[in-house]
Each structure stands twice: as C-alpha cells, then as structure tokens.
Amino acid sequence: MDRLDGGVVALDYGDDDHAFRLTVEPVPRRRWAPDQPVRIGHVDGLDVDLVGITVDNFVHVQLTAAPTDERDRLTRSDTDAFERWAATARETQQDPPDQPARRLMRISITVRDNLGTVYGFRVGQSGGTGTEWEATQSFRPRPPAEVGELPFTLQAPGQPEVSVPVAL
C-alpha cells in the first residue's frame, strides 16, 4: 500500500492485470464521556459501568467493571487460571482461559437515532494486559451526518434497561 496524493492510496494485490486505487475519506472521531460512570447493572457479581462512547467509522461503547472486592477476587482467580494454563505442557495445552472482562460482553446494547438507522453489532474487544476489566462493543454503520443525538439502551441480563442519550 502506498499513499498517493489527495487522499488516494495505491494497493497491489499481485494481480497481473490490475492495480487498485482507494480513495480515503477523513472521518472525525467524536468522544463522549459521562461526568461519572453510568451504572448499567451487575454481571457475575460485578458492577458494570458505561464509561465512554466514541464515534468514528464505528460506534464504540466502552464498559468497565467498577473496582470492588468481588472484582479483586475474580482478578486473582482469573490470574491463577491463566498461570495454570501457561504452565501446562504445550502438547496438552488447550485454549487459554477467557479474559476477565469477557463477562462484560453480556451487556445488551441498542443504538438508535431519529432517522431510523439500523445499527448492528460488528465486533467486540474485552480485556488484555492492563485492561483486564475493560470491554468495548462496536456497532455499524457510522451515524449519518445529520444525526445530532444517539440514544443508547444498555441492559445487564435480567435487570432494568438504562437509557443514555449522547449528543454528537
């Protein structure tokens, strides 16, 4: 991939008969964060909070597990499980244990706008070194330019919905 001028990128996939040009459009990245985390509910004894939303090519919803004694206990338990997995002989090793924040992916999220755009879940990320209790669910499409607010509905399993309107 090579950058040409005017937001155009040249791509070569090794096709003897074709080369490709791709026009690149800059997309503003807008971030929203509440003054205080918004409590969504509980998952596996954890208090789950909405901590931010980012809109770019996707609509990203960031969640975290609030610091509690239960979170500390689960962190130790999950760390021990991972260490046992890592100490297992490679030839008998199975998939590693899930990241602790994988639990947060059980939060149901609905994104709407005043134009009736249908937003669908596309990808999620949970955990990792230094982000053990962070999870992001990402939705498509990018909101149309004329949308000024995205109302979000979040719900922990078996608990009341929490509505959060976010101005863009």
Protein backbone atom coordinates (compact mmCIF):
# COMPACT_ATOMS: atom_id res chain seq x y z
CA MET A 1 0.00 0.00 0.00
CA ASP A 2 1.37 3.40 -0.98
CA ARG A 3 -0.06 6.83 -0.31
CA LEU A 4 -0.67 8.89 -3.42
CA ASP A 5 -1.90 12.47 -3.35
CA GLY A 6 -5.33 13.83 -2.38
CA GLY A 7 -6.36 11.03 -0.02
CA VAL A 8 -5.77 8.27 -2.57
CA VAL A 9 -3.99 5.03 -1.72
CA ALA A 10 -2.50 2.59 -4.23
CA LEU A 11 -2.97 -1.10 -3.48
CA ASP A 12 -1.31 -4.02 -5.23
CA TYR A 13 -2.66 -7.49 -4.53
CA GLY A 14 -0.31 -9.18 -7.01
CA ASP A 15 -2.94 -9.34 -9.77
CA ASP A 16 -1.12 -9.38 -13.11
CA ASP A 17 -3.92 -7.48 -14.81
CA HIS A 18 -4.95 -4.91 -12.21
CA ALA A 19 -3.71 -2.44 -9.64
CA PHE A 20 -6.13 -0.71 -7.29
CA ARG A 21 -6.75 2.86 -6.13
CA LEU A 22 -8.66 3.55 -2.98
CA THR A 23 -9.97 6.97 -2.02
CA VAL A 24 -9.55 7.64 1.66
CA GLU A 25 -12.04 9.88 3.45
CA PRO A 26 -11.06 11.50 6.75
CA VAL A 27 -13.64 10.74 9.41
CA PRO A 28 -13.88 12.89 12.53
CA ARG A 29 -13.56 10.97 15.79
CA ARG A 30 -16.00 12.20 18.41
CA ARG A 31 -15.71 11.15 22.03
CA TRP A 32 -18.25 11.35 24.82
CA ALA A 33 -17.66 10.51 28.46
CA PRO A 34 -20.06 10.97 31.36
CA ASP A 35 -19.03 13.15 34.30
CA GLN A 36 -19.35 10.00 36.41
CA PRO A 37 -19.51 6.38 35.17
CA VAL A 38 -23.10 5.33 34.44
CA ARG A 39 -24.03 2.17 36.36
CA ILE A 40 -25.62 -0.33 33.99
CA GLY A 41 -26.13 -3.25 36.34
CA HIS A 42 -24.42 -6.39 37.58
CA VAL A 43 -22.82 -9.33 35.80
CA ASP A 44 -21.38 -12.21 37.83
CA GLY A 45 -21.44 -10.03 40.94
CA LEU A 46 -19.57 -7.19 39.19
CA ASP A 47 -20.84 -3.62 38.96
CA VAL A 48 -20.72 -2.72 35.26
CA ASP A 49 -20.38 0.93 34.21
CA LEU A 50 -20.60 2.80 30.92
CA VAL A 51 -17.50 4.99 30.78
CA GLY A 52 -17.46 6.33 27.24
CA ILE A 53 -18.63 6.32 23.64
CA THR A 54 -16.53 7.02 20.58
CA VAL A 55 -17.99 7.60 17.12
CA ASP A 56 -15.74 7.24 14.09
CA ASN A 57 -16.12 4.54 11.41
CA PHE A 58 -17.98 2.61 14.11
CA VAL A 59 -19.95 3.47 17.22
CA HIS A 60 -17.82 2.13 20.11
CA VAL A 61 -19.35 1.67 23.57
CA GLN A 62 -16.81 1.34 26.40
CA LEU A 63 -17.69 -0.54 29.57
CA THR A 64 -15.74 -1.32 32.71
CA ALA A 65 -16.18 -3.30 35.91
CA ALA A 66 -16.09 -0.95 38.89
CA PRO A 67 -13.41 -1.70 41.50
CA THR A 68 -14.91 -3.88 44.23
CA ASP A 69 -13.82 -6.75 46.48
CA GLU A 70 -15.56 -9.16 44.08
CA ARG A 71 -13.62 -7.77 41.12
CA ASP A 72 -10.38 -8.22 43.08
CA ARG A 73 -11.34 -11.81 43.92
CA LEU A 74 -12.18 -12.60 40.29
CA THR A 75 -8.93 -10.96 39.13
CA ARG A 76 -6.93 -13.29 41.40
CA SER A 77 -8.97 -16.31 40.32
CA ASP A 78 -8.59 -15.49 36.61
CA THR A 79 -4.85 -14.79 37.01
CA ASP A 80 -4.41 -18.17 38.73
CA ALA A 81 -6.33 -19.93 35.94
CA PHE A 82 -4.16 -18.26 33.30
CA GLU A 83 -0.94 -19.19 35.14
CA ARG A 84 -2.08 -22.83 35.39
CA TRP A 85 -2.83 -22.77 31.66
CA ALA A 86 0.57 -21.24 30.84
CA ALA A 87 2.33 -23.91 32.93
CA THR A 88 0.62 -26.73 31.01
CA ALA A 89 2.77 -28.63 28.53
CA ARG A 90 2.29 -27.27 25.02
CA GLU A 91 1.24 -30.57 23.53
CA THR A 92 -1.66 -30.87 26.02
CA GLN A 93 -2.46 -27.16 26.23
CA GLN A 94 -5.97 -26.16 25.17
CA ASP A 95 -7.33 -22.66 24.54
CA PRO A 96 -6.37 -20.11 27.20
CA PRO A 97 -9.00 -19.01 29.72
CA ASP A 98 -11.18 -16.06 28.74
CA GLN A 99 -10.08 -12.57 29.69
CA PRO A 100 -11.86 -11.39 32.87
CA ALA A 101 -13.70 -8.59 31.02
CA ARG A 102 -15.30 -11.11 28.66
CA ARG A 103 -18.15 -11.16 31.21
CA LEU A 104 -18.96 -7.54 30.27
CA MET A 105 -19.87 -8.60 26.75
CA ARG A 106 -23.13 -9.94 28.23
CA ILE A 107 -24.41 -6.36 28.48
CA SER A 108 -27.04 -5.88 25.77
CA ILE A 109 -26.66 -2.60 23.88
CA THR A 110 -29.07 -0.99 21.43
CA VAL A 111 -28.16 2.09 19.39
CA ARG A 112 -30.85 4.20 17.71
CA ASP A 113 -31.20 7.55 16.02
CA ASN A 114 -34.05 9.81 14.88
CA LEU A 115 -33.66 8.69 11.23
CA GLY A 116 -34.40 5.03 11.96
CA THR A 117 -30.89 3.84 11.08
CA VAL A 118 -30.37 0.19 11.98
CA TYR A 119 -27.14 -0.22 13.96
CA GLY A 120 -25.75 -3.72 14.24
CA PHE A 121 -23.10 -5.20 16.48
CA ARG A 122 -19.92 -5.78 14.49
CA VAL A 123 -17.06 -6.53 16.84
CA GLY A 124 -16.16 -6.62 20.50
CA GLN A 125 -12.98 -6.49 22.50
CA SER A 126 -12.52 -7.41 26.12
CA GLY A 127 -9.55 -7.44 28.44
CA GLY A 128 -5.86 -7.60 27.82
CA THR A 129 -2.79 -6.68 29.79
CA GLY A 130 -3.54 -3.53 31.75
CA THR A 131 -7.17 -3.52 30.59
CA GLU A 132 -8.40 -6.68 32.32
CA TRP A 133 -11.74 -5.12 33.22
CA GLU A 134 -12.44 -3.05 30.10
CA ALA A 135 -14.67 -4.09 27.21
CA THR A 136 -15.79 -2.37 24.02
CA GLN A 137 -18.72 -3.27 21.81
CA SER A 138 -18.65 -1.71 18.34
CA PHE A 139 -21.59 -1.09 16.01
CA ARG A 140 -22.04 -0.12 12.35
CA PRO A 141 -22.83 1.95 10.39
CA ARG A 142 -21.29 5.27 11.22
CA PRO A 143 -24.19 7.63 12.06
CA PRO A 144 -25.37 9.83 9.18
CA ALA A 145 -24.05 13.41 9.36
CA GLU A 146 -27.49 14.87 10.13
CA VAL A 147 -27.88 12.81 13.33
CA GLY A 148 -27.40 15.06 16.36
CA GLU A 149 -28.05 12.55 19.13
CA LEU A 150 -27.72 8.80 19.62
CA PRO A 151 -29.96 7.29 22.28
CA PHE A 152 -28.36 4.16 23.77
CA THR A 153 -30.17 1.47 25.73
CA LEU A 154 -27.99 -0.82 27.84
CA GLN A 155 -29.15 -3.77 29.89
CA ALA A 156 -27.45 -6.28 32.14
CA PRO A 157 -29.06 -9.75 31.99
CA GLY A 158 -32.37 -9.81 33.88
CA GLN A 159 -32.11 -6.19 35.03
CA PRO A 160 -33.83 -2.93 34.07
CA GLU A 161 -32.75 -1.06 30.95
CA VAL A 162 -30.62 2.06 31.30
CA SER A 163 -31.14 4.78 28.67
CA VAL A 164 -28.31 7.17 27.85
CA PRO A 165 -28.77 9.92 25.20
CA VAL A 166 -25.48 11.07 23.69
CA ALA A 167 -25.22 14.34 21.76
CA LEU A 168 -22.90 14.16 18.76
